[in-house]
Amino acid sequence: MSSRTLTVNESLYQYLQSVSVREVPLLAELRAETAGQPLATMQISPEQGQFMALLITLMQAKRALELGVFTGYSSLAIALALPADGQLVACDVSEEYTRIARRYWQKAGVSDKITLHLGPALETLERLLAQGETFDFAFIDADKSSYNDYYEGCLQLIRPGGLIVIDNVLWSGKVADDQIQDNRTRSLRALNENSIEMNASCSVCYQWETV
C-alpha cells in the first residue's frame, strides 16, 4: 500500500469514470452543451458533482449556498440531491451563462429549490448575513482573487457541523511553485494557509482540485 495519493493518468481517469460515475441524463446533456462554450473548462467534472451530491445526502443538508454558477451543472447536482423542501442560494454575475442554468433547472423540475442572486457575491453574502441566514453546505467556485473573502463570509453563514467545499485550491500545482506569483495563485495560497489557521473555528472544510 502506498502512503501517497495515486497519480491519475488519462486512461485511469476514464476507467474510474466508467465504473463509478452515475450521471443522470439531464446533467450529461448540460455538460455536453457547456462543452461548446468558450469557457467550458470552468465547469466541474461529473465525479465532482456526484461527490457533492453524496456529501449533501449523507449530511442531510437542506440549505445550500453556491458561489459561482456558470451554466448550472453544480447547482443542478446540488438541487437534485437536496430534499423536496431543500433550498439552494446561488450567486453569479453572468446573466448570459445563468440563462442556460435556469433552463436546465426548469427542465429538471428543481427551479423552485433555487434562488439565484445576480451580482457581486460578497454583497450577497453581506445581505444573507444581515438577514440571519444559515446554511448546511457551501460550495465556492467563483473568481479566485476573492476566494479568501468568500471563505470567511461562508464561515459566518455555515452552521456548526456544516461543510464548505472549495474548488481549485491546488490550481493545477501552481500553488506549490514559488516561481508563480500571479494574483490568483497568491490568493489561493493565502486561502490555503488561512483555512488551516482557522480550522478550529470552522465546522468542516473540504477542498479539492479541478484538473
C-alpha atoms as a PDB file:
ATOM      1  CA  MET A   1       0.000   0.000   0.000  1.00  0.00           C
ATOM      2  CA  SER A   2       1.342   3.404  -0.964  1.00  0.00           C
ATOM      3  CA  SER A   3       1.422   6.269   1.536  1.00  0.00           C
ATOM      4  CA  ARG A   4       0.921   8.771  -1.291  1.00  0.00           C
ATOM      5  CA  THR A   5      -2.113   9.624  -3.401  1.00  0.00           C
ATOM      6  CA  LEU A   6      -2.165   7.690  -6.664  1.00  0.00           C
ATOM      7  CA  THR A   7      -1.416   9.741  -9.767  1.00  0.00           C
ATOM      8  CA  VAL A   8      -4.407   9.590 -12.100  1.00  0.00           C
ATOM      9  CA  ASN A   9      -3.441   9.471 -15.773  1.00  0.00           C
ATOM     10  CA  GLU A  10      -5.954   9.766 -18.619  1.00  0.00           C
ATOM     11  CA  SER A  11      -6.589   6.033 -19.032  1.00  0.00           C
ATOM     12  CA  LEU A  12      -7.135   5.521 -15.293  1.00  0.00           C
ATOM     13  CA  TYR A  13      -9.372   8.600 -15.164  1.00  0.00           C
ATOM     14  CA  GLN A  14     -11.545   7.238 -17.973  1.00  0.00           C
ATOM     15  CA  TYR A  15     -11.722   3.875 -16.220  1.00  0.00           C
ATOM     16  CA  LEU A  16     -12.770   5.467 -12.930  1.00  0.00           C
ATOM     17  CA  GLN A  17     -15.492   7.404 -14.715  1.00  0.00           C
ATOM     18  CA  SER A  18     -16.772   4.281 -16.446  1.00  0.00           C
ATOM     19  CA  VAL A  19     -17.153   2.281 -13.231  1.00  0.00           C
ATOM     20  CA  SER A  20     -18.124   4.951 -10.702  1.00  0.00           C
ATOM     21  CA  VAL A  21     -19.933   7.919 -12.267  1.00  0.00           C
ATOM     22  CA  ARG A  22     -23.710   7.631 -12.456  1.00  0.00           C
ATOM     23  CA  GLU A  23     -24.628  10.856 -14.195  1.00  0.00           C
ATOM     24  CA  VAL A  24     -28.329  11.463 -14.791  1.00  0.00           C
ATOM     25  CA  PRO A  25     -29.175  12.170 -18.461  1.00  0.00           C
ATOM     26  CA  LEU A  26     -30.041  15.835 -17.885  1.00  0.00           C
ATOM     27  CA  LEU A  27     -26.678  16.517 -16.232  1.00  0.00           C
ATOM     28  CA  ALA A  28     -24.939  14.818 -19.140  1.00  0.00           C
ATOM     29  CA  GLU A  29     -26.954  16.939 -21.562  1.00  0.00           C
ATOM     30  CA  LEU A  30     -25.963  20.129 -19.756  1.00  0.00           C
ATOM     31  CA  ARG A  31     -22.327  19.087 -19.683  1.00  0.00           C
ATOM     32  CA  ALA A  32     -22.420  18.428 -23.446  1.00  0.00           C
ATOM     33  CA  GLU A  33     -23.977  21.837 -24.146  1.00  0.00           C
ATOM     34  CA  THR A  34     -21.447  23.585 -21.922  1.00  0.00           C
ATOM     35  CA  ALA A  35     -18.586  21.912 -23.777  1.00  0.00           C
ATOM     36  CA  GLY A  36     -19.359  24.216 -26.704  1.00  0.00           C
ATOM     37  CA  GLN A  37     -18.961  27.377 -24.617  1.00  0.00           C
ATOM     38  CA  PRO A  38     -15.741  29.457 -24.766  1.00  0.00           C
ATOM     39  CA  LEU A  39     -15.149  28.994 -21.019  1.00  0.00           C
ATOM     40  CA  ALA A  40     -16.160  25.335 -20.888  1.00  0.00           C
ATOM     41  CA  THR A  41     -13.204  24.415 -18.671  1.00  0.00           C
ATOM     42  CA  MET A  42     -14.844  26.319 -15.804  1.00  0.00           C
ATOM     43  CA  GLN A  43     -17.400  23.538 -15.400  1.00  0.00           C
ATOM     44  CA  ILE A  44     -16.844  20.969 -12.688  1.00  0.00           C
ATOM     45  CA  SER A  45     -16.417  17.318 -13.629  1.00  0.00           C
ATOM     46  CA  PRO A  46     -19.240  14.755 -13.310  1.00  0.00           C
ATOM     47  CA  GLU A  47     -17.467  12.937 -10.484  1.00  0.00           C
ATOM     48  CA  GLN A  48     -17.252  16.178  -8.530  1.00  0.00           C
ATOM     49  CA  GLY A  49     -20.960  16.772  -8.936  1.00  0.00           C
ATOM     50  CA  GLN A  50     -21.663  13.214  -7.838  1.00  0.00           C
ATOM     51  CA  PHE A  51     -19.372  13.583  -4.830  1.00  0.00           C
ATOM     52  CA  MET A  52     -21.097  16.792  -3.711  1.00  0.00           C
ATOM     53  CA  ALA A  53     -24.472  15.096  -4.077  1.00  0.00           C
ATOM     54  CA  LEU A  54     -23.216  12.254  -1.875  1.00  0.00           C
ATOM     55  CA  LEU A  55     -21.988  14.683   0.781  1.00  0.00           C
ATOM     56  CA  ILE A  56     -25.296  16.537   0.808  1.00  0.00           C
ATOM     57  CA  THR A  57     -27.235  13.271   1.114  1.00  0.00           C
ATOM     58  CA  LEU A  58     -25.024  11.922   3.897  1.00  0.00           C
ATOM     59  CA  MET A  59     -25.196  15.097   5.966  1.00  0.00           C
ATOM     60  CA  GLN A  60     -28.929  15.502   5.261  1.00  0.00           C
ATOM     61  CA  ALA A  61     -28.390  19.084   4.181  1.00  0.00           C
ATOM     62  CA  LYS A  62     -31.459  21.214   3.480  1.00  0.00           C
ATOM     63  CA  ARG A  63     -29.941  24.640   2.835  1.00  0.00           C
ATOM     64  CA  ALA A  64     -27.025  25.097   0.457  1.00  0.00           C
ATOM     65  CA  LEU A  65     -25.049  28.103  -0.789  1.00  0.00           C
ATOM     66  CA  GLU A  66     -23.146  28.294  -4.067  1.00  0.00           C
ATOM     67  CA  LEU A  67     -20.708  30.992  -5.168  1.00  0.00           C
ATOM     68  CA  GLY A  68     -20.152  30.658  -8.914  1.00  0.00           C
ATOM     69  CA  VAL A  69     -22.899  29.119 -11.049  1.00  0.00           C
ATOM     70  CA  PHE A  70     -21.628  29.283 -14.656  1.00  0.00           C
ATOM     71  CA  THR A  71     -24.060  27.156 -16.716  1.00  0.00           C
ATOM     72  CA  GLY A  72     -25.524  25.486 -13.647  1.00  0.00           C
ATOM     73  CA  TYR A  73     -24.045  21.985 -13.575  1.00  0.00           C
ATOM     74  CA  SER A  74     -23.011  22.144  -9.912  1.00  0.00           C
ATOM     75  CA  SER A  75     -26.272  23.906  -8.992  1.00  0.00           C
ATOM     76  CA  LEU A  76     -28.290  21.177 -10.667  1.00  0.00           C
ATOM     77  CA  ALA A  77     -26.291  18.401  -8.988  1.00  0.00           C
ATOM     78  CA  ILE A  78     -26.803  20.052  -5.594  1.00  0.00           C
ATOM     79  CA  ALA A  79     -30.508  20.769  -6.108  1.00  0.00           C
ATOM     80  CA  LEU A  80     -31.211  17.208  -7.247  1.00  0.00           C
ATOM     81  CA  ALA A  81     -29.570  15.907  -4.059  1.00  0.00           C
ATOM     82  CA  LEU A  82     -31.471  18.240  -1.736  1.00  0.00           C
ATOM     83  CA  PRO A  83     -34.774  17.010  -0.259  1.00  0.00           C
ATOM     84  CA  ALA A  84     -38.090  18.275  -1.588  1.00  0.00           C
ATOM     85  CA  ASP A  85     -38.096  21.141   0.913  1.00  0.00           C
ATOM     86  CA  GLY A  86     -34.411  21.938   0.372  1.00  0.00           C
ATOM     87  CA  GLN A  87     -33.162  25.309  -0.859  1.00  0.00           C
ATOM     88  CA  LEU A  88     -30.070  26.449  -2.746  1.00  0.00           C
ATOM     89  CA  VAL A  89     -28.972  30.083  -2.842  1.00  0.00           C
ATOM     90  CA  ALA A  90     -26.825  30.508  -5.967  1.00  0.00           C
ATOM     91  CA  CYS A  91     -24.629  33.547  -6.706  1.00  0.00           C
ATOM     92  CA  ASP A  92     -23.178  34.636 -10.038  1.00  0.00           C
ATOM     93  CA  VAL A  93     -22.573  37.781 -12.126  1.00  0.00           C
ATOM     94  CA  SER A  94     -23.337  36.415 -15.607  1.00  0.00           C
ATOM     95  CA  GLU A  95     -26.867  36.707 -16.901  1.00  0.00           C
ATOM     96  CA  GLU A  96     -25.789  35.006 -20.137  1.00  0.00           C
ATOM     97  CA  TYR A  97     -24.466  31.801 -18.594  1.00  0.00           C
ATOM     98  CA  THR A  98     -27.062  31.572 -15.845  1.00  0.00           C
ATOM     99  CA  ARG A  99     -29.753  31.760 -18.525  1.00  0.00           C
ATOM    100  CA  ILE A 100     -28.561  28.307 -19.582  1.00  0.00           C
ATOM    101  CA  ALA A 101     -28.603  27.211 -15.951  1.00  0.00           C
ATOM    102  CA  ARG A 102     -32.163  28.393 -15.446  1.00  0.00           C
ATOM    103  CA  ARG A 103     -33.307  26.430 -18.484  1.00  0.00           C
ATOM    104  CA  TYR A 104     -31.908  23.188 -17.101  1.00  0.00           C
ATOM    105  CA  TRP A 105     -33.188  23.847 -13.594  1.00  0.00           C
ATOM    106  CA  GLN A 106     -36.635  24.223 -15.105  1.00  0.00           C
ATOM    107  CA  LYS A 107     -36.299  21.035 -17.169  1.00  0.00           C
ATOM    108  CA  ALA A 108     -35.221  19.106 -14.066  1.00  0.00           C
ATOM    109  CA  GLY A 109     -38.123  20.435 -12.018  1.00  0.00           C
ATOM    110  CA  VAL A 110     -35.860  21.972  -9.359  1.00  0.00           C
ATOM    111  CA  SER A 111     -36.151  25.670 -10.184  1.00  0.00           C
ATOM    112  CA  ASP A 112     -38.375  26.173  -7.138  1.00  0.00           C
ATOM    113  CA  LYS A 113     -35.494  24.988  -4.959  1.00  0.00           C
ATOM    114  CA  ILE A 114     -33.011  27.537  -6.329  1.00  0.00           C
ATOM    115  CA  THR A 115     -32.813  31.271  -5.639  1.00  0.00           C
ATOM    116  CA  LEU A 116     -30.371  32.982  -7.992  1.00  0.00           C
ATOM    117  CA  HIS A 117     -28.681  36.240  -6.997  1.00  0.00           C
ATOM    118  CA  LEU A 118     -27.098  38.086  -9.916  1.00  0.00           C
ATOM    119  CA  GLY A 119     -24.431  40.495  -8.688  1.00  0.00           C
ATOM    120  CA  PRO A 120     -21.173  40.566  -6.696  1.00  0.00           C
ATOM    121  CA  ALA A 121     -21.184  37.566  -4.378  1.00  0.00           C
ATOM    122  CA  LEU A 122     -19.622  39.464  -1.474  1.00  0.00           C
ATOM    123  CA  GLU A 123     -22.585  41.834  -1.461  1.00  0.00           C
ATOM    124  CA  THR A 124     -24.958  38.868  -1.454  1.00  0.00           C
ATOM    125  CA  LEU A 125     -23.062  37.280   1.442  1.00  0.00           C
ATOM    126  CA  GLU A 126     -23.363  40.512   3.421  1.00  0.00           C
ATOM    127  CA  ARG A 127     -27.122  40.622   2.837  1.00  0.00           C
ATOM    128  CA  LEU A 128     -27.561  36.983   3.816  1.00  0.00           C
ATOM    129  CA  LEU A 129     -25.574  37.573   6.992  1.00  0.00           C
ATOM    130  CA  ALA A 130     -27.631  40.676   7.844  1.00  0.00           C
ATOM    131  CA  GLN A 131     -30.811  38.625   7.352  1.00  0.00           C
ATOM    132  CA  GLY A 132     -29.564  35.993   9.801  1.00  0.00           C
ATOM    133  CA  GLU A 133     -29.444  33.223   7.194  1.00  0.00           C
ATOM    134  CA  THR A 134     -27.658  29.949   7.930  1.00  0.00           C
ATOM    135  CA  PHE A 135     -26.625  27.097   5.645  1.00  0.00           C
ATOM    136  CA  ASP A 136     -25.642  23.451   5.960  1.00  0.00           C
ATOM    137  CA  PHE A 137     -23.408  23.345   2.900  1.00  0.00           C
ATOM    138  CA  ALA A 138     -21.455  25.861   0.793  1.00  0.00           C
ATOM    139  CA  PHE A 139     -19.599  25.482  -2.499  1.00  0.00           C
ATOM    140  CA  ILE A 140     -17.058  28.120  -3.560  1.00  0.00           C
ATOM    141  CA  ASP A 141     -16.102  28.171  -7.245  1.00  0.00           C
ATOM    142  CA  ALA A 142     -16.002  31.806  -8.363  1.00  0.00           C
ATOM    143  CA  ASP A 143     -13.262  34.375  -9.077  1.00  0.00           C
ATOM    144  CA  LYS A 144     -10.088  33.152  -7.400  1.00  0.00           C
ATOM    145  CA  SER A 145      -8.828  36.558  -6.271  1.00  0.00           C
ATOM    146  CA  SER A 146     -11.758  36.810  -3.839  1.00  0.00           C
ATOM    147  CA  TYR A 147     -11.609  33.243  -2.518  1.00  0.00           C
ATOM    148  CA  ASN A 148     -10.353  34.216   0.928  1.00  0.00           C
ATOM    149  CA  ASP A 149     -13.147  36.755   1.354  1.00  0.00           C
ATOM    150  CA  TYR A 150     -15.693  34.199   0.156  1.00  0.00           C
ATOM    151  CA  TYR A 151     -14.330  31.647   2.595  1.00  0.00           C
ATOM    152  CA  GLU A 152     -14.527  33.992   5.559  1.00  0.00           C
ATOM    153  CA  GLY A 153     -18.033  35.047   4.547  1.00  0.00           C
ATOM    154  CA  CYS A 154     -19.168  31.437   4.311  1.00  0.00           C
ATOM    155  CA  LEU A 155     -17.669  30.683   7.728  1.00  0.00           C
ATOM    156  CA  GLN A 156     -20.121  33.156   9.231  1.00  0.00           C
ATOM    157  CA  LEU A 157     -23.079  31.643   7.385  1.00  0.00           C
ATOM    158  CA  ILE A 158     -22.402  27.925   7.811  1.00  0.00           C
ATOM    159  CA  ARG A 159     -23.998  26.197  10.761  1.00  0.00           C
ATOM    160  CA  PRO A 160     -21.914  24.255  13.322  1.00  0.00           C
ATOM    161  CA  GLY A 161     -21.135  20.886  11.767  1.00  0.00           C
ATOM    162  CA  GLY A 162     -21.753  22.216   8.261  1.00  0.00           C
ATOM    163  CA  LEU A 163     -19.453  21.829   5.291  1.00  0.00           C
ATOM    164  CA  ILE A 164     -17.604  24.199   2.968  1.00  0.00           C
ATOM    165  CA  VAL A 165     -16.341  22.772  -0.323  1.00  0.00           C
ATOM    166  CA  ILE A 166     -13.796  24.832  -2.272  1.00  0.00           C
ATOM    167  CA  ASP A 167     -12.715  24.186  -5.859  1.00  0.00           C
ATOM    168  CA  ASN A 168      -9.306  24.855  -7.470  1.00  0.00           C
ATOM    169  CA  VAL A 169      -7.268  25.121  -4.273  1.00  0.00           C
ATOM    170  CA  LEU A 170      -4.280  23.298  -5.813  1.00  0.00           C
ATOM    171  CA  TRP A 171      -4.569  25.346  -9.028  1.00  0.00           C
ATOM    172  CA  SER A 172      -3.054  22.580 -11.177  1.00  0.00           C
ATOM    173  CA  GLY A 173       0.011  22.537  -8.915  1.00  0.00           C
ATOM    174  CA  LYS A 174       0.766  26.254  -9.280  1.00  0.00           C
ATOM    175  CA  VAL A 175       0.305  26.923  -5.556  1.00  0.00           C
ATOM    176  CA  ALA A 176       3.374  24.762  -4.849  1.00  0.00           C
ATOM    177  CA  ASP A 177       5.592  26.612  -7.344  1.00  0.00           C
ATOM    178  CA  ASP A 178       7.181  29.690  -5.756  1.00  0.00           C
ATOM    179  CA  GLN A 179       8.141  30.963  -9.189  1.00  0.00           C
ATOM    180  CA  ILE A 180       4.462  31.598  -9.968  1.00  0.00           C
ATOM    181  CA  GLN A 181       3.357  34.841  -8.357  1.00  0.00           C
ATOM    182  CA  ASP A 182       0.269  35.988 -10.252  1.00  0.00           C
ATOM    183  CA  ASN A 183      -2.602  37.425  -8.218  1.00  0.00           C
ATOM    184  CA  ARG A 184      -4.907  34.394  -8.436  1.00  0.00           C
ATOM    185  CA  THR A 185      -2.208  31.936  -7.409  1.00  0.00           C
ATOM    186  CA  ARG A 186      -1.125  34.094  -4.481  1.00  0.00           C
ATOM    187  CA  SER A 187      -4.753  34.439  -3.401  1.00  0.00           C
ATOM    188  CA  LEU A 188      -5.200  30.668  -3.420  1.00  0.00           C
ATOM    189  CA  ARG A 189      -2.032  30.213  -1.366  1.00  0.00           C
ATOM    190  CA  ALA A 190      -3.352  32.723   1.159  1.00  0.00           C
ATOM    191  CA  LEU A 191      -6.655  30.875   1.310  1.00  0.00           C
ATOM    192  CA  ASN A 192      -4.970  27.530   1.933  1.00  0.00           C
ATOM    193  CA  GLU A 193      -2.874  28.977   4.749  1.00  0.00           C
ATOM    194  CA  ASN A 194      -5.857  30.796   6.215  1.00  0.00           C
ATOM    195  CA  SER A 195      -8.095  27.728   6.164  1.00  0.00           C
ATOM    196  CA  ILE A 196      -5.515  25.777   8.166  1.00  0.00           C
ATOM    197  CA  GLU A 197      -5.196  28.538  10.749  1.00  0.00           C
ATOM    198  CA  MET A 198      -8.974  28.959  11.043  1.00  0.00           C
ATOM    199  CA  ASN A 199      -9.925  25.282  11.032  1.00  0.00           C
ATOM    200  CA  ALA A 200     -10.546  25.288  14.778  1.00  0.00           C
ATOM    201  CA  SER A 201     -13.398  27.752  14.297  1.00  0.00           C
ATOM    202  CA  CYS A 202     -14.577  26.219  11.019  1.00  0.00           C
ATOM    203  CA  SER A 203     -17.200  23.493  11.250  1.00  0.00           C
ATOM    204  CA  VAL A 204     -15.767  21.345   8.462  1.00  0.00           C
ATOM    205  CA  CYS A 205     -13.766  22.355   5.422  1.00  0.00           C
ATOM    206  CA  TYR A 206     -13.153  20.139   2.408  1.00  0.00           C
ATOM    207  CA  GLN A 207     -11.038  21.313  -0.505  1.00  0.00           C
ATOM    208  CA  TRP A 208     -10.458  19.724  -3.910  1.00  0.00           C
ATOM    209  CA  GLU A 209      -8.961  20.426  -7.283  1.00  0.00           C
ATOM    210  CA  THR A 210     -10.416  20.579 -10.749  1.00  0.00           C
ATOM    211  CA  VAL A 211      -7.893  19.383 -13.326  1.00  0.00           C
END
